[in-house]
Amino acid sequence: MSDTAVALPRPAGARVLAWLQNYGVYAAIVALVVVNIAITPHFLSTENLRTQLVQVAPVVIVSLGMALVIGTEGVDLSVGSVMALATALIPLYLGYGVGPAILVALVGGVAVGLVNGSLVAFVNVQPIVATLCLFVGGRGLALVLAGGQLKDVHDATLLDLGSSSLVGVPLPVLVAGVLTLVVTGVVRRTTFGRQLVAIGGNRTASVLSGLPVRRVLLLVYVLSGLLAAVAGVLATARLQASDPSSLGLLMELSAITAVVVGGTPLTGGRVRVLGTVAGALLIQLVRATLIKHDLPDSVAQMVQAVIILGAVYAARGGAGR
């Protein structure tokens, strides 16, 4: 009798779940667009499409950093607080010019990433615990820096970042698109990207094989903090105000949803950048659709929770069957 193993076909249910994990987000976007064309007035108007893209740009940027973190089997709950910290720092340094103010805001994001990364990589604190500390403390610091007050921003150069366009494309959308291409290249084409995925797949094996696990983890959280700060700067420019009490609230939920719905498993070992962008677009479409039909944002949050559960179930079922 031959000892050759015969590969059994995967059950139909597992194939469906795998398809949903890989392509479900794109199918959902198409379906939602078709529904909106049918029931939402002026959905395809240039103004509406521009508004949707500008609103989703900060979510895309934050989600890119979150995708890198989740790819290492981690999570970053501090991204919303980093946005709040960035918006609090900008008015304090606008007197020195727009460039220095933005630079300080970005340095603030990097500093938060360094703290998170150091706790995870060198102190071996669980990512959810390490980033939870700055989830709370980061926004508290932002409120202290801002004196607990909303501050209007009047600098024309900064406001142009939120309202200007280049060749017809709004600058926030352009920044999000460029960063998507950069992160895609990093994940697919660089040694760092391959190490990131390997660490998420099996950290113990990565350590034994000599990969610079601590350095990679540190850099991943720094990038997440930096991207969240970029999103905070753009959001401040678009809103024309610095409001650390509300800017970035629940952003961590939106980013995690975008990453998971886009096909990146919470167990790490894989990063789907384009899927993450699609996940962010899906969240924005769901929220915009419900609001345009006079449903409160709280309903959108409940729908978002259902979407997360469905995506996690598809990921677990597709991997486990």
C-alpha atoms as a PDB file:
ATOM      1  CA  MET A   1       0.000   0.000   0.000  1.00  0.00           C
ATOM      2  CA  SER A   2       1.327   3.413  -0.901  1.00  0.00           C
ATOM      3  CA  ASP A   3       2.232   5.784   1.934  1.00  0.00           C
ATOM      4  CA  THR A   4       1.633   8.844  -0.244  1.00  0.00           C
ATOM      5  CA  ALA A   5      -0.764  11.243   1.462  1.00  0.00           C
ATOM      6  CA  VAL A   6      -3.746  12.369  -0.547  1.00  0.00           C
ATOM      7  CA  ALA A   7      -4.736  16.018  -0.109  1.00  0.00           C
ATOM      8  CA  LEU A   8      -8.404  16.258   0.716  1.00  0.00           C
ATOM      9  CA  PRO A   9     -10.407  19.126  -0.746  1.00  0.00           C
ATOM     10  CA  ARG A  10     -11.333  21.885   1.662  1.00  0.00           C
ATOM     11  CA  PRO A  11     -14.958  21.893   2.833  1.00  0.00           C
ATOM     12  CA  ALA A  12     -17.219  24.313   0.986  1.00  0.00           C
ATOM     13  CA  GLY A  13     -17.805  26.339   4.154  1.00  0.00           C
ATOM     14  CA  ALA A  14     -14.088  26.879   4.669  1.00  0.00           C
ATOM     15  CA  ARG A  15     -13.681  27.994   1.061  1.00  0.00           C
ATOM     16  CA  VAL A  16     -16.492  30.514   1.454  1.00  0.00           C
ATOM     17  CA  LEU A  17     -14.994  31.914   4.654  1.00  0.00           C
ATOM     18  CA  ALA A  18     -11.560  32.153   3.039  1.00  0.00           C
ATOM     19  CA  TRP A  19     -13.084  34.005   0.076  1.00  0.00           C
ATOM     20  CA  LEU A  20     -14.878  36.385   2.434  1.00  0.00           C
ATOM     21  CA  GLN A  21     -11.656  37.083   4.305  1.00  0.00           C
ATOM     22  CA  ASN A  22      -9.756  37.842   1.110  1.00  0.00           C
ATOM     23  CA  TYR A  23     -12.385  39.579  -1.011  1.00  0.00           C
ATOM     24  CA  GLY A  24     -15.442  40.199   1.175  1.00  0.00           C
ATOM     25  CA  VAL A  25     -14.516  43.822   1.894  1.00  0.00           C
ATOM     26  CA  TYR A  26     -14.407  44.652  -1.823  1.00  0.00           C
ATOM     27  CA  ALA A  27     -17.743  42.930  -2.442  1.00  0.00           C
ATOM     28  CA  ALA A  28     -19.264  44.833   0.483  1.00  0.00           C
ATOM     29  CA  ILE A  29     -18.041  48.171  -0.907  1.00  0.00           C
ATOM     30  CA  VAL A  30     -19.512  47.418  -4.333  1.00  0.00           C
ATOM     31  CA  ALA A  31     -22.827  46.378  -2.787  1.00  0.00           C
ATOM     32  CA  LEU A  32     -22.965  49.477  -0.592  1.00  0.00           C
ATOM     33  CA  VAL A  33     -22.164  51.767  -3.523  1.00  0.00           C
ATOM     34  CA  VAL A  34     -24.947  50.182  -5.592  1.00  0.00           C
ATOM     35  CA  VAL A  35     -27.420  50.587  -2.715  1.00  0.00           C
ATOM     36  CA  ASN A  36     -26.430  54.226  -2.237  1.00  0.00           C
ATOM     37  CA  ILE A  37     -26.793  54.985  -5.927  1.00  0.00           C
ATOM     38  CA  ALA A  38     -30.335  53.666  -5.672  1.00  0.00           C
ATOM     39  CA  ILE A  39     -31.493  55.263  -2.405  1.00  0.00           C
ATOM     40  CA  THR A  40     -29.178  58.195  -1.565  1.00  0.00           C
ATOM     41  CA  PRO A  41     -29.734  61.442  -3.484  1.00  0.00           C
ATOM     42  CA  HIS A  42     -26.631  63.000  -5.063  1.00  0.00           C
ATOM     43  CA  PHE A  43     -24.422  60.112  -3.894  1.00  0.00           C
ATOM     44  CA  LEU A  44     -22.313  60.244  -7.071  1.00  0.00           C
ATOM     45  CA  SER A  45     -21.941  64.027  -7.012  1.00  0.00           C
ATOM     46  CA  THR A  46     -18.392  65.312  -7.089  1.00  0.00           C
ATOM     47  CA  GLU A  47     -18.885  67.205  -3.845  1.00  0.00           C
ATOM     48  CA  ASN A  48     -20.124  64.131  -1.970  1.00  0.00           C
ATOM     49  CA  LEU A  49     -17.345  61.869  -3.247  1.00  0.00           C
ATOM     50  CA  ARG A  50     -14.761  64.506  -2.370  1.00  0.00           C
ATOM     51  CA  THR A  51     -16.199  64.858   1.139  1.00  0.00           C
ATOM     52  CA  GLN A  52     -16.165  61.108   1.734  1.00  0.00           C
ATOM     53  CA  LEU A  53     -12.551  60.774   0.611  1.00  0.00           C
ATOM     54  CA  VAL A  54     -11.354  63.727   2.691  1.00  0.00           C
ATOM     55  CA  GLN A  55     -13.125  62.389   5.786  1.00  0.00           C
ATOM     56  CA  VAL A  56     -11.701  58.892   5.402  1.00  0.00           C
ATOM     57  CA  ALA A  57      -8.107  60.027   4.741  1.00  0.00           C
ATOM     58  CA  PRO A  58      -7.061  60.261   8.449  1.00  0.00           C
ATOM     59  CA  VAL A  59      -8.647  56.854   9.132  1.00  0.00           C
ATOM     60  CA  VAL A  60      -6.653  55.345   6.258  1.00  0.00           C
ATOM     61  CA  ILE A  61      -3.407  56.853   7.533  1.00  0.00           C
ATOM     62  CA  VAL A  62      -3.916  55.625  11.093  1.00  0.00           C
ATOM     63  CA  SER A  63      -5.033  52.206   9.833  1.00  0.00           C
ATOM     64  CA  LEU A  64      -1.810  51.783   7.858  1.00  0.00           C
ATOM     65  CA  GLY A  65       0.186  52.023  11.084  1.00  0.00           C
ATOM     66  CA  MET A  66      -2.281  49.773  12.869  1.00  0.00           C
ATOM     67  CA  ALA A  67      -1.905  47.158  10.124  1.00  0.00           C
ATOM     68  CA  LEU A  68       1.851  47.035  10.708  1.00  0.00           C
ATOM     69  CA  VAL A  69       1.336  46.621  14.456  1.00  0.00           C
ATOM     70  CA  ILE A  70      -1.316  43.931  14.092  1.00  0.00           C
ATOM     71  CA  GLY A  71       0.947  42.189  11.597  1.00  0.00           C
ATOM     72  CA  THR A  72       3.349  41.573  14.507  1.00  0.00           C
ATOM     73  CA  GLU A  73       0.458  40.153  16.605  1.00  0.00           C
ATOM     74  CA  GLY A  74       0.201  43.404  18.524  1.00  0.00           C
ATOM     75  CA  VAL A  75      -2.262  46.261  18.805  1.00  0.00           C
ATOM     76  CA  ASP A  76      -1.937  50.006  19.343  1.00  0.00           C
ATOM     77  CA  LEU A  77      -4.762  51.522  21.391  1.00  0.00           C
ATOM     78  CA  SER A  78      -2.997  54.887  21.706  1.00  0.00           C
ATOM     79  CA  VAL A  79      -3.472  56.138  18.119  1.00  0.00           C
ATOM     80  CA  GLY A  80      -6.449  58.351  18.976  1.00  0.00           C
ATOM     81  CA  SER A  81      -4.556  59.900  21.862  1.00  0.00           C
ATOM     82  CA  VAL A  82      -1.577  60.531  19.579  1.00  0.00           C
ATOM     83  CA  MET A  83      -3.880  62.486  17.264  1.00  0.00           C
ATOM     84  CA  ALA A  84      -5.078  64.474  20.273  1.00  0.00           C
ATOM     85  CA  LEU A  85      -1.493  65.131  21.364  1.00  0.00           C
ATOM     86  CA  ALA A  86      -0.535  66.282  17.866  1.00  0.00           C
ATOM     87  CA  THR A  87      -3.434  68.721  17.677  1.00  0.00           C
ATOM     88  CA  ALA A  88      -2.614  70.069  21.142  1.00  0.00           C
ATOM     89  CA  LEU A  89       1.038  70.699  20.240  1.00  0.00           C
ATOM     90  CA  ILE A  90       0.409  72.557  16.987  1.00  0.00           C
ATOM     91  CA  PRO A  91      -0.994  75.834  18.436  1.00  0.00           C
ATOM     92  CA  LEU A  92       1.784  75.962  21.011  1.00  0.00           C
ATOM     93  CA  TYR A  93       4.453  76.185  18.314  1.00  0.00           C
ATOM     94  CA  LEU A  94       2.675  77.940  15.426  1.00  0.00           C
ATOM     95  CA  GLY A  95       4.418  81.134  16.506  1.00  0.00           C
ATOM     96  CA  TYR A  96       7.679  79.615  15.257  1.00  0.00           C
ATOM     97  CA  GLY A  97       6.171  78.798  11.861  1.00  0.00           C
ATOM     98  CA  VAL A  98       4.083  76.018  10.355  1.00  0.00           C
ATOM     99  CA  GLY A  99       7.077  73.781   9.681  1.00  0.00           C
ATOM    100  CA  PRO A 100       8.355  73.690  13.267  1.00  0.00           C
ATOM    101  CA  ALA A 101       4.804  73.254  14.618  1.00  0.00           C
ATOM    102  CA  ILE A 102       4.136  70.249  12.392  1.00  0.00           C
ATOM    103  CA  LEU A 103       7.579  68.834  13.173  1.00  0.00           C
ATOM    104  CA  VAL A 104       6.943  69.051  16.928  1.00  0.00           C
ATOM    105  CA  ALA A 105       3.581  67.334  16.465  1.00  0.00           C
ATOM    106  CA  LEU A 106       5.229  64.508  14.517  1.00  0.00           C
ATOM    107  CA  VAL A 107       7.987  64.202  17.116  1.00  0.00           C
ATOM    108  CA  GLY A 108       5.275  63.842  19.751  1.00  0.00           C
ATOM    109  CA  GLY A 109       3.840  60.894  17.824  1.00  0.00           C
ATOM    110  CA  VAL A 110       7.269  59.324  17.494  1.00  0.00           C
ATOM    111  CA  ALA A 111       7.876  59.767  21.235  1.00  0.00           C
ATOM    112  CA  VAL A 112       4.646  57.931  22.061  1.00  0.00           C
ATOM    113  CA  GLY A 113       5.651  55.182  19.634  1.00  0.00           C
ATOM    114  CA  LEU A 114       9.034  54.895  21.311  1.00  0.00           C
ATOM    115  CA  VAL A 115       7.415  54.457  24.718  1.00  0.00           C
ATOM    116  CA  ASN A 116       4.955  51.867  23.406  1.00  0.00           C
ATOM    117  CA  GLY A 117       7.621  50.011  21.459  1.00  0.00           C
ATOM    118  CA  SER A 118      10.062  49.988  24.351  1.00  0.00           C
ATOM    119  CA  LEU A 119       7.462  48.566  26.717  1.00  0.00           C
ATOM    120  CA  VAL A 120       6.546  45.832  24.231  1.00  0.00           C
ATOM    121  CA  ALA A 121      10.006  45.005  22.887  1.00  0.00           C
ATOM    122  CA  PHE A 122      12.249  45.421  25.925  1.00  0.00           C
ATOM    123  CA  VAL A 123       9.999  45.138  28.990  1.00  0.00           C
ATOM    124  CA  ASN A 124       7.824  42.395  27.447  1.00  0.00           C
ATOM    125  CA  VAL A 125       4.592  44.146  28.402  1.00  0.00           C
ATOM    126  CA  GLN A 126       1.572  42.893  26.482  1.00  0.00           C
ATOM    127  CA  PRO A 127       0.790  45.341  23.631  1.00  0.00           C
ATOM    128  CA  ILE A 128      -2.780  45.916  24.771  1.00  0.00           C
ATOM    129  CA  VAL A 129      -1.551  46.892  28.253  1.00  0.00           C
ATOM    130  CA  ALA A 130       1.381  48.997  27.068  1.00  0.00           C
ATOM    131  CA  THR A 131      -0.684  51.032  24.621  1.00  0.00           C
ATOM    132  CA  LEU A 132      -3.634  51.288  27.004  1.00  0.00           C
ATOM    133  CA  CYS A 133      -1.405  53.320  29.336  1.00  0.00           C
ATOM    134  CA  LEU A 134      -0.897  55.975  26.657  1.00  0.00           C
ATOM    135  CA  PHE A 135      -4.464  55.622  25.445  1.00  0.00           C
ATOM    136  CA  VAL A 136      -5.398  57.200  28.770  1.00  0.00           C
ATOM    137  CA  GLY A 137      -2.286  59.213  29.580  1.00  0.00           C
ATOM    138  CA  GLY A 138      -1.711  60.599  26.094  1.00  0.00           C
ATOM    139  CA  ARG A 139      -5.087  62.306  25.874  1.00  0.00           C
ATOM    140  CA  GLY A 140      -4.716  63.537  29.438  1.00  0.00           C
ATOM    141  CA  LEU A 141      -1.384  65.128  28.517  1.00  0.00           C
ATOM    142  CA  ALA A 142      -2.953  66.670  25.413  1.00  0.00           C
ATOM    143  CA  LEU A 143      -5.717  68.234  27.497  1.00  0.00           C
ATOM    144  CA  VAL A 144      -3.167  69.640  29.946  1.00  0.00           C
ATOM    145  CA  LEU A 145      -1.127  71.166  27.102  1.00  0.00           C
ATOM    146  CA  ALA A 146      -4.260  72.709  25.597  1.00  0.00           C
ATOM    147  CA  GLY A 147      -5.536  73.958  28.930  1.00  0.00           C
ATOM    148  CA  GLY A 148      -8.663  71.870  28.404  1.00  0.00           C
ATOM    149  CA  GLN A 149      -9.857  74.284  25.736  1.00  0.00           C
ATOM    150  CA  LEU A 150     -10.602  74.238  22.019  1.00  0.00           C
ATOM    151  CA  LYS A 151      -8.328  76.615  20.130  1.00  0.00           C
ATOM    152  CA  ASP A 152      -9.091  78.008  16.694  1.00  0.00           C
ATOM    153  CA  VAL A 153      -6.327  77.727  14.108  1.00  0.00           C
ATOM    154  CA  HIS A 154      -5.978  80.655  11.709  1.00  0.00           C
ATOM    155  CA  ASP A 155      -2.649  80.014   9.994  1.00  0.00           C
ATOM    156  CA  ALA A 156      -3.402  80.031   6.256  1.00  0.00           C
ATOM    157  CA  THR A 157      -0.562  77.709   5.330  1.00  0.00           C
ATOM    158  CA  LEU A 158      -1.672  75.058   7.801  1.00  0.00           C
ATOM    159  CA  LEU A 159      -5.315  75.386   6.783  1.00  0.00           C
ATOM    160  CA  ASP A 160      -4.310  74.831   3.155  1.00  0.00           C
ATOM    161  CA  LEU A 161      -3.266  71.298   4.104  1.00  0.00           C
ATOM    162  CA  GLY A 162      -6.875  70.505   4.893  1.00  0.00           C
ATOM    163  CA  SER A 163      -8.613  72.361   2.085  1.00  0.00           C
ATOM    164  CA  SER A 164      -6.284  72.670  -0.913  1.00  0.00           C
ATOM    165  CA  SER A 165      -6.007  70.318  -3.864  1.00  0.00           C
ATOM    166  CA  LEU A 166      -3.244  69.243  -6.201  1.00  0.00           C
ATOM    167  CA  VAL A 167      -4.288  68.380  -9.762  1.00  0.00           C
ATOM    168  CA  GLY A 168      -7.843  68.135  -8.471  1.00  0.00           C
ATOM    169  CA  VAL A 169      -7.032  65.732  -5.629  1.00  0.00           C
ATOM    170  CA  PRO A 170      -7.506  67.025  -2.053  1.00  0.00           C
ATOM    171  CA  LEU A 171      -4.193  67.130  -0.196  1.00  0.00           C
ATOM    172  CA  PRO A 172      -5.333  64.831   2.665  1.00  0.00           C
ATOM    173  CA  VAL A 173      -6.373  62.226   0.086  1.00  0.00           C
ATOM    174  CA  LEU A 174      -3.092  62.657  -1.767  1.00  0.00           C
ATOM    175  CA  VAL A 175      -1.096  62.204   1.444  1.00  0.00           C
ATOM    176  CA  ALA A 176      -3.092  59.078   2.315  1.00  0.00           C
ATOM    177  CA  GLY A 177      -2.512  57.680  -1.183  1.00  0.00           C
ATOM    178  CA  VAL A 178       1.239  58.310  -1.096  1.00  0.00           C
ATOM    179  CA  LEU A 179       1.556  56.755   2.368  1.00  0.00           C
ATOM    180  CA  THR A 180      -0.415  53.725   1.183  1.00  0.00           C
ATOM    181  CA  LEU A 181       2.071  53.209  -1.635  1.00  0.00           C
ATOM    182  CA  VAL A 182       5.002  53.656   0.758  1.00  0.00           C
ATOM    183  CA  VAL A 183       3.659  51.170   3.317  1.00  0.00           C
ATOM    184  CA  THR A 184       2.829  48.695   0.536  1.00  0.00           C
ATOM    185  CA  GLY A 185       6.401  48.922  -0.705  1.00  0.00           C
ATOM    186  CA  VAL A 186       7.794  48.525   2.805  1.00  0.00           C
ATOM    187  CA  VAL A 187       5.731  45.399   3.490  1.00  0.00           C
ATOM    188  CA  ARG A 188       6.283  43.727   0.127  1.00  0.00           C
ATOM    189  CA  ARG A 189       9.756  44.841  -0.934  1.00  0.00           C
ATOM    190  CA  THR A 190      11.932  45.398   2.124  1.00  0.00           C
ATOM    191  CA  THR A 191      13.732  43.187   4.587  1.00  0.00           C
ATOM    192  CA  PHE A 192      11.965  45.030   7.394  1.00  0.00           C
ATOM    193  CA  GLY A 193       8.587  44.085   5.937  1.00  0.00           C
ATOM    194  CA  ARG A 194       9.511  40.415   5.679  1.00  0.00           C
ATOM    195  CA  GLN A 195      10.879  40.431   9.221  1.00  0.00           C
ATOM    196  CA  LEU A 196       7.695  42.071  10.490  1.00  0.00           C
ATOM    197  CA  VAL A 197       5.528  39.346   8.968  1.00  0.00           C
ATOM    198  CA  ALA A 198       7.842  36.605  10.206  1.00  0.00           C
ATOM    199  CA  ILE A 199       7.749  37.937  13.771  1.00  0.00           C
ATOM    200  CA  GLY A 200       3.971  38.051  13.697  1.00  0.00           C
ATOM    201  CA  GLY A 201       3.833  34.504  12.371  1.00  0.00           C
ATOM    202  CA  ASN A 202       6.123  32.993  14.996  1.00  0.00           C
ATOM    203  CA  ARG A 203       8.051  35.251  17.349  1.00  0.00           C
ATOM    204  CA  THR A 204       9.924  32.421  19.060  1.00  0.00           C
ATOM    205  CA  ALA A 205      11.188  31.038  15.752  1.00  0.00           C
ATOM    206  CA  SER A 206      12.153  34.558  14.678  1.00  0.00           C
ATOM    207  CA  VAL A 207      14.266  35.008  17.814  1.00  0.00           C
ATOM    208  CA  LEU A 208      15.938  31.627  17.330  1.00  0.00           C
ATOM    209  CA  SER A 209      16.698  32.404  13.696  1.00  0.00           C
ATOM    210  CA  GLY A 210      18.497  35.607  14.666  1.00  0.00           C
ATOM    211  CA  LEU A 211      16.019  38.203  13.451  1.00  0.00           C
ATOM    212  CA  PRO A 212      16.241  41.612  15.190  1.00  0.00           C
ATOM    213  CA  VAL A 213      12.874  41.134  16.877  1.00  0.00           C
ATOM    214  CA  ARG A 214      13.175  43.943  19.406  1.00  0.00           C
ATOM    215  CA  ARG A 215      14.363  46.481  16.861  1.00  0.00           C
ATOM    216  CA  VAL A 216      11.564  45.602  14.456  1.00  0.00           C
ATOM    217  CA  LEU A 217       8.890  45.806  17.161  1.00  0.00           C
ATOM    218  CA  LEU A 218      10.228  49.161  18.334  1.00  0.00           C
ATOM    219  CA  LEU A 219      10.202  50.559  14.801  1.00  0.00           C
ATOM    220  CA  VAL A 220       6.681  49.258  14.127  1.00  0.00           C
ATOM    221  CA  TYR A 221       5.238  51.160  17.084  1.00  0.00           C
ATOM    222  CA  VAL A 222       7.231  54.266  16.179  1.00  0.00           C
ATOM    223  CA  LEU A 223       5.755  54.153  12.662  1.00  0.00           C
ATOM    224  CA  SER A 224       2.282  53.719  14.099  1.00  0.00           C
ATOM    225  CA  GLY A 225       2.759  56.770  16.315  1.00  0.00           C
ATOM    226  CA  LEU A 226       4.193  58.809  13.446  1.00  0.00           C
ATOM    227  CA  LEU A 227       1.307  57.973  11.107  1.00  0.00           C
ATOM    228  CA  ALA A 228      -1.237  58.792  13.827  1.00  0.00           C
ATOM    229  CA  ALA A 229       0.459  62.177  14.314  1.00  0.00           C
ATOM    230  CA  VAL A 230       0.287  62.833  10.551  1.00  0.00           C
ATOM    231  CA  ALA A 231      -3.435  62.076  10.696  1.00  0.00           C
ATOM    232  CA  GLY A 232      -3.782  64.449  13.650  1.00  0.00           C
ATOM    233  CA  VAL A 233      -2.094  67.269  11.735  1.00  0.00           C
ATOM    234  CA  LEU A 234      -4.339  66.790   8.693  1.00  0.00           C
ATOM    235  CA  ALA A 235      -7.474  66.543  10.842  1.00  0.00           C
ATOM    236  CA  THR A 236      -6.541  69.764  12.640  1.00  0.00           C
ATOM    237  CA  ALA A 237      -6.042  71.538   9.322  1.00  0.00           C
ATOM    238  CA  ARG A 238      -9.396  70.306   8.006  1.00  0.00           C
ATOM    239  CA  LEU A 239     -11.333  71.216  11.161  1.00  0.00           C
ATOM    240  CA  GLN A 240      -9.494  74.558  11.486  1.00  0.00           C
ATOM    241  CA  ALA A 241      -9.270  74.011  15.222  1.00  0.00           C
ATOM    242  CA  SER A 242      -7.287  72.189  17.883  1.00  0.00           C
ATOM    243  CA  ASP A 243      -9.657  70.129  20.027  1.00  0.00           C
ATOM    244  CA  PRO A 244      -7.827  67.369  21.925  1.00  0.00           C
ATOM    245  CA  SER A 245     -10.977  66.470  23.862  1.00  0.00           C
ATOM    246  CA  SER A 246     -12.691  65.067  20.750  1.00  0.00           C
ATOM    247  CA  LEU A 247     -10.142  64.670  17.961  1.00  0.00           C
ATOM    248  CA  GLY A 248      -9.243  61.021  17.484  1.00  0.00           C
ATOM    249  CA  LEU A 249     -11.960  59.655  19.786  1.00  0.00           C
ATOM    250  CA  LEU A 250     -12.652  55.990  18.912  1.00  0.00           C
ATOM    251  CA  MET A 251     -10.050  56.190  16.136  1.00  0.00           C
ATOM    252  CA  GLU A 252      -8.439  53.020  17.488  1.00  0.00           C
ATOM    253  CA  LEU A 253     -11.747  51.198  16.962  1.00  0.00           C
ATOM    254  CA  SER A 254     -12.046  52.447  13.380  1.00  0.00           C
ATOM    255  CA  ALA A 255      -8.438  51.528  12.598  1.00  0.00           C
ATOM    256  CA  ILE A 256      -8.691  48.026  14.067  1.00  0.00           C
ATOM    257  CA  THR A 257     -11.948  47.485  12.190  1.00  0.00           C
ATOM    258  CA  ALA A 258     -10.386  48.590   8.904  1.00  0.00           C
ATOM    259  CA  VAL A 259      -7.395  46.289   9.369  1.00  0.00           C
ATOM    260  CA  VAL A 260      -9.404  43.220  10.408  1.00  0.00           C
ATOM    261  CA  VAL A 261     -12.120  43.694   7.785  1.00  0.00           C
ATOM    262  CA  GLY A 262      -9.369  44.154   5.217  1.00  0.00           C
ATOM    263  CA  GLY A 263      -8.089  40.643   5.855  1.00  0.00           C
ATOM    264  CA  THR A 264      -5.170  41.116   8.243  1.00  0.00           C
ATOM    265  CA  PRO A 265      -5.616  38.526  11.027  1.00  0.00           C
ATOM    266  CA  LEU A 266      -5.377  39.608  14.658  1.00  0.00           C
ATOM    267  CA  THR A 267      -2.997  36.676  15.160  1.00  0.00           C
ATOM    268  CA  GLY A 268      -0.380  38.429  13.004  1.00  0.00           C
ATOM    269  CA  GLY A 269       1.871  36.987  10.337  1.00  0.00           C
ATOM    270  CA  ARG A 270       0.169  38.826   7.486  1.00  0.00           C
ATOM    271  CA  VAL A 271      -0.383  42.442   6.441  1.00  0.00           C
ATOM    272  CA  ARG A 272      -2.905  43.370   3.762  1.00  0.00           C
ATOM    273  CA  VAL A 273      -2.356  47.049   3.016  1.00  0.00           C
ATOM    274  CA  LEU A 274      -4.851  47.491   0.178  1.00  0.00           C
ATOM    275  CA  GLY A 275      -7.409  45.486   2.133  1.00  0.00           C
ATOM    276  CA  THR A 276      -6.895  47.868   5.051  1.00  0.00           C
ATOM    277  CA  VAL A 277      -7.589  50.873   2.835  1.00  0.00           C
ATOM    278  CA  ALA A 278     -10.714  49.136   1.530  1.00  0.00           C
ATOM    279  CA  GLY A 279     -11.777  48.424   5.112  1.00  0.00           C
ATOM    280  CA  ALA A 280     -11.473  52.115   5.988  1.00  0.00           C
ATOM    281  CA  LEU A 281     -13.540  53.041   2.932  1.00  0.00           C
ATOM    282  CA  LEU A 282     -16.205  50.519   3.943  1.00  0.00           C
ATOM    283  CA  ILE A 283     -16.452  52.002   7.446  1.00  0.00           C
ATOM    284  CA  GLN A 284     -16.790  55.497   6.004  1.00  0.00           C
ATOM    285  CA  LEU A 285     -19.489  54.388   3.559  1.00  0.00           C
ATOM    286  CA  VAL A 286     -21.470  52.647   6.294  1.00  0.00           C
ATOM    287  CA  ARG A 287     -21.321  55.673   8.580  1.00  0.00           C
ATOM    288  CA  ALA A 288     -22.137  58.144   5.797  1.00  0.00           C
ATOM    289  CA  THR A 289     -25.040  56.027   4.544  1.00  0.00           C
ATOM    290  CA  LEU A 290     -26.645  55.780   7.967  1.00  0.00           C
ATOM    291  CA  ILE A 291     -26.172  59.466   8.763  1.00  0.00           C
ATOM    292  CA  LYS A 292     -27.587  60.571   5.391  1.00  0.00           C
ATOM    293  CA  HIS A 293     -30.709  58.574   6.198  1.00  0.00           C
ATOM    294  CA  ASP A 294     -31.106  60.274   9.595  1.00  0.00           C
ATOM    295  CA  LEU A 295     -29.773  57.472  11.752  1.00  0.00           C
ATOM    296  CA  PRO A 296     -27.507  58.488  14.667  1.00  0.00           C
ATOM    297  CA  ASP A 297     -23.786  57.793  14.721  1.00  0.00           C
ATOM    298  CA  SER A 298     -24.360  55.392  17.618  1.00  0.00           C
ATOM    299  CA  VAL A 299     -26.110  53.057  15.164  1.00  0.00           C
ATOM    300  CA  ALA A 300     -23.066  53.226  12.905  1.00  0.00           C
ATOM    301  CA  GLN A 301     -20.905  52.181  15.862  1.00  0.00           C
ATOM    302  CA  MET A 302     -23.126  49.174  16.508  1.00  0.00           C
ATOM    303  CA  VAL A 303     -22.967  48.192  12.838  1.00  0.00           C
ATOM    304  CA  GLN A 304     -19.197  48.567  13.027  1.00  0.00           C
ATOM    305  CA  ALA A 305     -19.122  46.131  15.951  1.00  0.00           C
ATOM    306  CA  VAL A 306     -21.115  43.602  13.933  1.00  0.00           C
ATOM    307  CA  ILE A 307     -18.698  44.020  11.023  1.00  0.00           C
ATOM    308  CA  ILE A 308     -15.752  43.295  13.339  1.00  0.00           C
ATOM    309  CA  LEU A 309     -17.408  40.136  14.643  1.00  0.00           C
ATOM    310  CA  GLY A 310     -18.123  38.951  11.113  1.00  0.00           C
ATOM    311  CA  ALA A 311     -14.561  39.623   9.975  1.00  0.00           C
ATOM    312  CA  VAL A 312     -13.031  37.847  12.979  1.00  0.00           C
ATOM    313  CA  TYR A 313     -15.350  34.861  12.468  1.00  0.00           C
ATOM    314  CA  ALA A 314     -14.380  34.646   8.798  1.00  0.00           C
ATOM    315  CA  ALA A 315     -10.676  34.828   9.708  1.00  0.00           C
ATOM    316  CA  ARG A 316     -10.928  32.147  12.398  1.00  0.00           C
ATOM    317  CA  GLY A 317     -13.149  29.882  10.315  1.00  0.00           C
ATOM    318  CA  GLY A 318     -11.058  30.223   7.183  1.00  0.00           C
ATOM    319  CA  ALA A 319      -7.870  29.407   9.088  1.00  0.00           C
ATOM    320  CA  GLY A 320      -9.262  26.682  11.280  1.00  0.00           C
ATOM    321  CA  ARG A 321     -11.151  24.456   8.874  1.00  0.00           C
END
